[in-house]
Amino acid sequence: QLQLVESGGGSVQDGDSLTLSCTASGTIGSAACMGWFRQTPDKEREGVAYILRYGGTNYADSVKGRFTISLDSAKNTLSLQMRQMKPEDTGVYYCAASSAGMASMTECSTIRMYRYWGQGTQVTVSS
């Protein structure tokens, strides 16, 4: 059982940077994959970035080249570095983890893979 807690959200300006962190209570490194998702009141929750247990990352087209996902298994921490932020990046950001094991990037890029979720942290980008 994993408990995930996000931190680092806040309000920034167009073009600014922000880093989100997600700390796990259990062994985060055993999850097949981990990811960051975001949601706004008018949209379904969408995947932003994913990382496999043994490396390999994937990003939504809207954030490629601007966001970087990383995993520090020793510290049980998942991070999302966000640069050149845009107003459309605004939303509640959630970290999530799958069950333990192995999975492909195709599997990890689907929301149904994720069993454990944090409570979310608000990110607001103003123009």
C-alpha atoms as a PDB file:
ATOM      1  CA  GLN A   1       0.000   0.000   0.000  1.00  0.00           C
ATOM      2  CA  LEU A   2       1.411   3.359  -1.048  1.00  0.00           C
ATOM      3  CA  GLN A   3       0.387   6.745   0.245  1.00  0.00           C
ATOM      4  CA  LEU A   4       1.423   9.637  -1.966  1.00  0.00           C
ATOM      5  CA  VAL A   5       1.677  13.282  -0.962  1.00  0.00           C
ATOM      6  CA  GLU A   6       2.302  16.047  -3.478  1.00  0.00           C
ATOM      7  CA  SER A   7       3.919  19.381  -2.702  1.00  0.00           C
ATOM      8  CA  GLY A   8       5.331  22.364  -4.533  1.00  0.00           C
ATOM      9  CA  GLY A   9       2.217  23.741  -6.204  1.00  0.00           C
ATOM     10  CA  GLY A  10       1.548  27.439  -6.354  1.00  0.00           C
ATOM     11  CA  SER A  11       0.906  30.453  -8.542  1.00  0.00           C
ATOM     12  CA  VAL A  12       3.417  31.513 -11.191  1.00  0.00           C
ATOM     13  CA  GLN A  13       3.578  33.752 -14.224  1.00  0.00           C
ATOM     14  CA  ASP A  14       3.650  32.766 -17.891  1.00  0.00           C
ATOM     15  CA  GLY A  15       7.182  31.568 -18.697  1.00  0.00           C
ATOM     16  CA  ASP A  16       8.134  30.746 -15.099  1.00  0.00           C
ATOM     17  CA  SER A  17       9.351  27.427 -13.688  1.00  0.00           C
ATOM     18  CA  LEU A  18       8.030  25.257 -10.876  1.00  0.00           C
ATOM     19  CA  THR A  19       8.964  21.865  -9.469  1.00  0.00           C
ATOM     20  CA  LEU A  20       6.458  19.467  -7.957  1.00  0.00           C
ATOM     21  CA  SER A  21       7.427  16.683  -5.584  1.00  0.00           C
ATOM     22  CA  CYS A  22       5.597  13.543  -4.567  1.00  0.00           C
ATOM     23  CA  THR A  23       6.724  11.654  -1.494  1.00  0.00           C
ATOM     24  CA  ALA A  24       5.642   8.074  -0.920  1.00  0.00           C
ATOM     25  CA  SER A  25       5.078   6.368   2.400  1.00  0.00           C
ATOM     26  CA  GLY A  26       5.941   2.967   1.007  1.00  0.00           C
ATOM     27  CA  THR A  27       8.577   1.708  -1.387  1.00  0.00           C
ATOM     28  CA  ILE A  28       7.975   3.798  -4.459  1.00  0.00           C
ATOM     29  CA  GLY A  29      10.590   1.944  -6.478  1.00  0.00           C
ATOM     30  CA  SER A  30       8.563  -1.250  -6.632  1.00  0.00           C
ATOM     31  CA  ALA A  31       5.786   0.327  -8.697  1.00  0.00           C
ATOM     32  CA  ALA A  32       5.833  -0.692 -12.349  1.00  0.00           C
ATOM     33  CA  CYS A  33       5.294   2.910 -13.343  1.00  0.00           C
ATOM     34  CA  MET A  34       4.590   6.330 -11.909  1.00  0.00           C
ATOM     35  CA  GLY A  35       3.092   9.384 -13.418  1.00  0.00           C
ATOM     36  CA  TRP A  36       1.882  12.941 -13.085  1.00  0.00           C
ATOM     37  CA  PHE A  37      -1.635  13.846 -14.122  1.00  0.00           C
ATOM     38  CA  ARG A  38      -3.543  17.100 -14.108  1.00  0.00           C
ATOM     39  CA  GLN A  39      -7.184  18.082 -14.083  1.00  0.00           C
ATOM     40  CA  THR A  40      -9.238  21.218 -14.567  1.00  0.00           C
ATOM     41  CA  PRO A  41     -12.938  21.643 -13.753  1.00  0.00           C
ATOM     42  CA  ASP A  42     -13.902  21.427 -17.422  1.00  0.00           C
ATOM     43  CA  LYS A  43     -11.703  18.478 -18.450  1.00  0.00           C
ATOM     44  CA  GLU A  44     -11.107  14.886 -17.552  1.00  0.00           C
ATOM     45  CA  ARG A  45      -7.914  14.007 -15.730  1.00  0.00           C
ATOM     46  CA  GLU A  46      -5.102  13.766 -18.268  1.00  0.00           C
ATOM     47  CA  GLY A  47      -1.647  12.264 -18.167  1.00  0.00           C
ATOM     48  CA  VAL A  48       1.253  14.697 -18.269  1.00  0.00           C
ATOM     49  CA  ALA A  49       4.352  12.557 -17.747  1.00  0.00           C
ATOM     50  CA  TYR A  50       5.150   8.938 -17.003  1.00  0.00           C
ATOM     51  CA  ILE A  51       8.230   7.037 -15.846  1.00  0.00           C
ATOM     52  CA  LEU A  52       8.897   3.319 -15.796  1.00  0.00           C
ATOM     53  CA  ARG A  53      10.323   1.473 -12.822  1.00  0.00           C
ATOM     54  CA  TYR A  54      13.629   0.867 -14.592  1.00  0.00           C
ATOM     55  CA  GLY A  55      13.747   4.131 -16.497  1.00  0.00           C
ATOM     56  CA  GLY A  56      12.122   5.362 -19.637  1.00  0.00           C
ATOM     57  CA  THR A  57       9.896   8.402 -19.740  1.00  0.00           C
ATOM     58  CA  ASN A  58       7.009   9.631 -21.832  1.00  0.00           C
ATOM     59  CA  TYR A  59       5.255  12.987 -22.013  1.00  0.00           C
ATOM     60  CA  ALA A  60       2.063  14.465 -23.297  1.00  0.00           C
ATOM     61  CA  ASP A  61       2.687  16.401 -26.506  1.00  0.00           C
ATOM     62  CA  SER A  62       1.635  19.618 -24.806  1.00  0.00           C
ATOM     63  CA  VAL A  63       4.531  19.463 -22.313  1.00  0.00           C
ATOM     64  CA  LYS A  64       7.328  17.801 -24.314  1.00  0.00           C
ATOM     65  CA  GLY A  65      10.537  19.785 -24.074  1.00  0.00           C
ATOM     66  CA  ARG A  66       9.243  21.795 -21.098  1.00  0.00           C
ATOM     67  CA  PHE A  67       8.542  19.229 -18.366  1.00  0.00           C
ATOM     68  CA  THR A  68      10.867  16.592 -16.920  1.00  0.00           C
ATOM     69  CA  ILE A  69       9.787  13.689 -14.730  1.00  0.00           C
ATOM     70  CA  SER A  70      12.301  11.989 -12.460  1.00  0.00           C
ATOM     71  CA  LEU A  71      12.308   9.348  -9.752  1.00  0.00           C
ATOM     72  CA  ASP A  72      14.621   9.160  -6.747  1.00  0.00           C
ATOM     73  CA  SER A  73      14.000   5.675  -5.378  1.00  0.00           C
ATOM     74  CA  ALA A  74      16.405   6.179  -2.480  1.00  0.00           C
ATOM     75  CA  LYS A  75      14.350   9.141  -1.271  1.00  0.00           C
ATOM     76  CA  ASN A  76      11.004   7.661  -2.322  1.00  0.00           C
ATOM     77  CA  THR A  77      10.322  10.835  -4.268  1.00  0.00           C
ATOM     78  CA  LEU A  78       8.853  11.510  -7.699  1.00  0.00           C
ATOM     79  CA  SER A  79       9.438  14.959  -9.173  1.00  0.00           C
ATOM     80  CA  LEU A  80       8.111  17.021 -12.053  1.00  0.00           C
ATOM     81  CA  GLN A  81      10.200  19.953 -13.230  1.00  0.00           C
ATOM     82  CA  MET A  82       8.096  22.390 -15.194  1.00  0.00           C
ATOM     83  CA  ARG A  83       9.696  25.124 -17.292  1.00  0.00           C
ATOM     84  CA  GLN A  84       8.383  27.726 -19.718  1.00  0.00           C
ATOM     85  CA  MET A  85       5.002  27.343 -18.141  1.00  0.00           C
ATOM     86  CA  LYS A  86       1.864  28.467 -19.895  1.00  0.00           C
ATOM     87  CA  PRO A  87      -1.610  29.409 -18.651  1.00  0.00           C
ATOM     88  CA  GLU A  88      -2.931  26.165 -20.119  1.00  0.00           C
ATOM     89  CA  ASP A  89      -0.724  24.280 -17.641  1.00  0.00           C
ATOM     90  CA  THR A  90      -3.067  25.437 -14.890  1.00  0.00           C
ATOM     91  CA  GLY A  91      -4.794  22.659 -12.976  1.00  0.00           C
ATOM     92  CA  VAL A  92      -4.657  20.316 -10.034  1.00  0.00           C
ATOM     93  CA  TYR A  93      -1.656  18.049 -10.401  1.00  0.00           C
ATOM     94  CA  TYR A  94      -1.743  14.508  -9.069  1.00  0.00           C
ATOM     95  CA  CYS A  95       1.024  11.969  -8.740  1.00  0.00           C
ATOM     96  CA  ALA A  96       0.106   8.352  -9.141  1.00  0.00           C
ATOM     97  CA  ALA A  97       1.682   4.920  -8.940  1.00  0.00           C
ATOM     98  CA  SER A  98       0.785   1.568 -10.372  1.00  0.00           C
ATOM     99  CA  SER A  99       0.949  -1.733  -8.577  1.00  0.00           C
ATOM    100  CA  ALA A 100       4.312  -3.442  -8.196  1.00  0.00           C
ATOM    101  CA  GLY A 101       5.779  -5.323 -11.124  1.00  0.00           C
ATOM    102  CA  MET A 102       6.688  -4.580 -14.695  1.00  0.00           C
ATOM    103  CA  ALA A 103       4.823  -2.827 -17.477  1.00  0.00           C
ATOM    104  CA  SER A 104       5.439  -1.332 -20.886  1.00  0.00           C
ATOM    105  CA  MET A 105       5.364   2.371 -21.604  1.00  0.00           C
ATOM    106  CA  THR A 106       2.188   1.836 -23.606  1.00  0.00           C
ATOM    107  CA  GLU A 107       0.519   0.364 -20.530  1.00  0.00           C
ATOM    108  CA  CYS A 108       1.960   3.012 -18.231  1.00  0.00           C
ATOM    109  CA  SER A 109       0.627   5.789 -20.435  1.00  0.00           C
ATOM    110  CA  THR A 110      -2.962   4.851 -19.625  1.00  0.00           C
ATOM    111  CA  ILE A 111      -4.738   6.118 -16.523  1.00  0.00           C
ATOM    112  CA  ARG A 112      -6.248   2.718 -15.729  1.00  0.00           C
ATOM    113  CA  MET A 113      -2.768   1.449 -14.785  1.00  0.00           C
ATOM    114  CA  TYR A 114      -2.643   3.654 -11.716  1.00  0.00           C
ATOM    115  CA  ARG A 115      -3.812   2.320  -8.408  1.00  0.00           C
ATOM    116  CA  TYR A 116      -2.456   4.842  -5.922  1.00  0.00           C
ATOM    117  CA  TRP A 117      -3.129   8.573  -6.046  1.00  0.00           C
ATOM    118  CA  GLY A 118      -2.076  11.627  -4.116  1.00  0.00           C
ATOM    119  CA  GLN A 119      -4.511  14.292  -2.996  1.00  0.00           C
ATOM    120  CA  GLY A 120      -3.391  16.792  -5.634  1.00  0.00           C
ATOM    121  CA  THR A 121      -1.696  20.173  -5.596  1.00  0.00           C
ATOM    122  CA  GLN A 122      -2.952  23.298  -7.363  1.00  0.00           C
ATOM    123  CA  VAL A 123      -0.818  24.948 -10.038  1.00  0.00           C
ATOM    124  CA  THR A 124      -1.952  28.264 -11.469  1.00  0.00           C
ATOM    125  CA  VAL A 125      -0.169  30.013 -14.339  1.00  0.00           C
ATOM    126  CA  SER A 126      -1.179  33.590 -15.014  1.00  0.00           C
ATOM    127  CA  SER A 127      -0.624  35.441 -18.282  1.00  0.00           C
END
